[in-house]
Amino acid sequence: MNQEAEDRGLAEVVLERLENERLPRAIDLKDKVDAGARLDDMDIAFLERVFADTQDLKPMVERHPEYHALAARLMELYEHITAKALENEKAG
């Protein structure tokens, strides 16, 4: 299988997971930290998995400029969550 076909298959799986699992959970976490709550161990484990997966997907995203804007928006979302969570921890 060539790289393009592998990337296409991987992108399909990643986008489905993003739509059905990752994005809804990230929005819930954003709402949680925006309300002043702290992240629990499960929330932190979720974010750790997301960041590990991000590193694994980085080469594919770099090969496909059509995913750059989406990846940047997602990283902004996760960065907001972590920054606000740290703020909440310090205030708490």
C-alpha atoms as a PDB file:
ATOM      1  CA  MET A   1       0.000   0.000   0.000  1.00  0.00           C
ATOM      2  CA  ASN A   2       1.384   3.421  -0.893  1.00  0.00           C
ATOM      3  CA  GLN A   3       1.755   6.337   1.513  1.00  0.00           C
ATOM      4  CA  GLU A   4      -1.198   8.235   0.031  1.00  0.00           C
ATOM      5  CA  ALA A   5      -3.570   5.292   0.526  1.00  0.00           C
ATOM      6  CA  GLU A   6      -2.284   4.736   4.072  1.00  0.00           C
ATOM      7  CA  ASP A   7      -2.751   8.427   4.882  1.00  0.00           C
ATOM      8  CA  ARG A   8      -6.268   8.402   3.445  1.00  0.00           C
ATOM      9  CA  GLY A   9      -7.251   5.412   5.579  1.00  0.00           C
ATOM     10  CA  LEU A  10      -5.657   6.857   8.704  1.00  0.00           C
ATOM     11  CA  ALA A  11      -7.300  10.242   8.126  1.00  0.00           C
ATOM     12  CA  GLU A  12     -10.689   8.570   7.812  1.00  0.00           C
ATOM     13  CA  VAL A  13     -10.284   6.784  11.156  1.00  0.00           C
ATOM     14  CA  VAL A  14      -8.880   9.864  12.916  1.00  0.00           C
ATOM     15  CA  LEU A  15     -11.626  12.164  11.635  1.00  0.00           C
ATOM     16  CA  GLU A  16     -14.324   9.715  12.693  1.00  0.00           C
ATOM     17  CA  ARG A  17     -12.794   9.421  16.171  1.00  0.00           C
ATOM     18  CA  LEU A  18     -12.498  13.204  16.337  1.00  0.00           C
ATOM     19  CA  GLU A  19     -16.142  13.718  15.431  1.00  0.00           C
ATOM     20  CA  ASN A  20     -17.587  11.015  17.651  1.00  0.00           C
ATOM     21  CA  GLU A  21     -15.266  10.972  20.668  1.00  0.00           C
ATOM     22  CA  ARG A  22     -12.514  13.533  20.920  1.00  0.00           C
ATOM     23  CA  LEU A  23     -14.288  16.754  19.981  1.00  0.00           C
ATOM     24  CA  PRO A  24     -17.372  16.190  22.168  1.00  0.00           C
ATOM     25  CA  ARG A  25     -15.117  15.339  25.130  1.00  0.00           C
ATOM     26  CA  ALA A  26     -12.882  18.350  24.469  1.00  0.00           C
ATOM     27  CA  ILE A  27     -15.904  20.673  24.344  1.00  0.00           C
ATOM     28  CA  ASP A  28     -17.112  19.209  27.652  1.00  0.00           C
ATOM     29  CA  LEU A  29     -13.677  19.817  29.172  1.00  0.00           C
ATOM     30  CA  LYS A  30     -13.623  23.387  27.856  1.00  0.00           C
ATOM     31  CA  ASP A  31     -17.019  24.035  29.429  1.00  0.00           C
ATOM     32  CA  LYS A  32     -15.812  22.449  32.662  1.00  0.00           C
ATOM     33  CA  VAL A  33     -12.671  24.559  33.009  1.00  0.00           C
ATOM     34  CA  ASP A  34     -14.420  27.702  31.793  1.00  0.00           C
ATOM     35  CA  ALA A  35     -16.851  27.205  34.687  1.00  0.00           C
ATOM     36  CA  GLY A  36     -13.895  27.193  37.081  1.00  0.00           C
ATOM     37  CA  ALA A  37     -13.701  23.455  37.738  1.00  0.00           C
ATOM     38  CA  ARG A  38     -10.531  21.427  38.026  1.00  0.00           C
ATOM     39  CA  LEU A  39      -9.660  18.503  35.808  1.00  0.00           C
ATOM     40  CA  ASP A  40      -9.834  15.070  37.384  1.00  0.00           C
ATOM     41  CA  ASP A  41      -7.523  12.120  36.710  1.00  0.00           C
ATOM     42  CA  MET A  42      -9.676  10.816  33.846  1.00  0.00           C
ATOM     43  CA  ASP A  43      -9.676  14.234  32.185  1.00  0.00           C
ATOM     44  CA  ILE A  44      -5.901  14.447  32.453  1.00  0.00           C
ATOM     45  CA  ALA A  45      -5.498  10.918  31.090  1.00  0.00           C
ATOM     46  CA  PHE A  46      -7.692  11.872  28.128  1.00  0.00           C
ATOM     47  CA  LEU A  47      -5.533  14.919  27.398  1.00  0.00           C
ATOM     48  CA  GLU A  48      -2.353  12.849  27.686  1.00  0.00           C
ATOM     49  CA  ARG A  49      -3.736  10.381  25.115  1.00  0.00           C
ATOM     50  CA  VAL A  50      -4.678  13.251  22.810  1.00  0.00           C
ATOM     51  CA  PHE A  51      -1.203  14.778  23.031  1.00  0.00           C
ATOM     52  CA  ALA A  52       0.476  11.401  22.428  1.00  0.00           C
ATOM     53  CA  ASP A  53      -1.735  10.772  19.398  1.00  0.00           C
ATOM     54  CA  THR A  54      -0.952  14.261  18.127  1.00  0.00           C
ATOM     55  CA  GLN A  55       2.745  13.428  18.082  1.00  0.00           C
ATOM     56  CA  ASP A  56       2.030  10.201  16.201  1.00  0.00           C
ATOM     57  CA  LEU A  57      -0.092  12.029  13.606  1.00  0.00           C
ATOM     58  CA  LYS A  58       2.256  14.956  13.100  1.00  0.00           C
ATOM     59  CA  PRO A  59       4.087  13.470  10.072  1.00  0.00           C
ATOM     60  CA  MET A  60       0.814  12.773   8.255  1.00  0.00           C
ATOM     61  CA  VAL A  61      -0.540  16.256   8.964  1.00  0.00           C
ATOM     62  CA  GLU A  62       2.704  17.775   7.703  1.00  0.00           C
ATOM     63  CA  ARG A  63       2.295  15.846   4.430  1.00  0.00           C
ATOM     64  CA  HIS A  64      -1.272  17.126   3.964  1.00  0.00           C
ATOM     65  CA  PRO A  65      -1.752  20.905   4.058  1.00  0.00           C
ATOM     66  CA  GLU A  66      -5.530  20.442   3.885  1.00  0.00           C
ATOM     67  CA  TYR A  67      -5.403  19.335   7.535  1.00  0.00           C
ATOM     68  CA  HIS A  68      -3.233  22.204   8.822  1.00  0.00           C
ATOM     69  CA  ALA A  69      -6.118  24.539   9.711  1.00  0.00           C
ATOM     70  CA  LEU A  70      -8.049  21.793  11.494  1.00  0.00           C
ATOM     71  CA  ALA A  71      -4.974  20.691  13.437  1.00  0.00           C
ATOM     72  CA  ALA A  72      -4.233  24.295  14.430  1.00  0.00           C
ATOM     73  CA  ARG A  73      -7.797  24.858  15.672  1.00  0.00           C
ATOM     74  CA  LEU A  74      -7.699  21.654  17.689  1.00  0.00           C
ATOM     75  CA  MET A  75      -4.380  22.587  19.255  1.00  0.00           C
ATOM     76  CA  GLU A  76      -5.819  26.006  20.165  1.00  0.00           C
ATOM     77  CA  LEU A  77      -8.745  24.262  21.858  1.00  0.00           C
ATOM     78  CA  TYR A  78      -6.528  21.890  23.836  1.00  0.00           C
ATOM     79  CA  GLU A  79      -4.161  24.716  24.734  1.00  0.00           C
ATOM     80  CA  HIS A  80      -7.121  26.747  26.055  1.00  0.00           C
ATOM     81  CA  ILE A  81      -8.277  23.776  28.129  1.00  0.00           C
ATOM     82  CA  THR A  82      -4.855  23.182  29.672  1.00  0.00           C
ATOM     83  CA  ALA A  83      -4.141  26.866  30.317  1.00  0.00           C
ATOM     84  CA  LYS A  84      -7.530  27.415  31.951  1.00  0.00           C
ATOM     85  CA  ALA A  85      -7.183  24.203  33.966  1.00  0.00           C
ATOM     86  CA  LEU A  86      -3.824  25.411  35.294  1.00  0.00           C
ATOM     87  CA  GLU A  87      -5.387  28.752  36.155  1.00  0.00           C
ATOM     88  CA  ASN A  88      -8.173  26.938  38.037  1.00  0.00           C
ATOM     89  CA  GLU A  89      -5.640  24.820  39.928  1.00  0.00           C
ATOM     90  CA  LYS A  90      -3.706  27.894  41.021  1.00  0.00           C
ATOM     91  CA  ALA A  91      -6.915  29.643  42.127  1.00  0.00           C
ATOM     92  CA  GLY A  92      -8.265  26.581  43.864  1.00  0.00           C
END
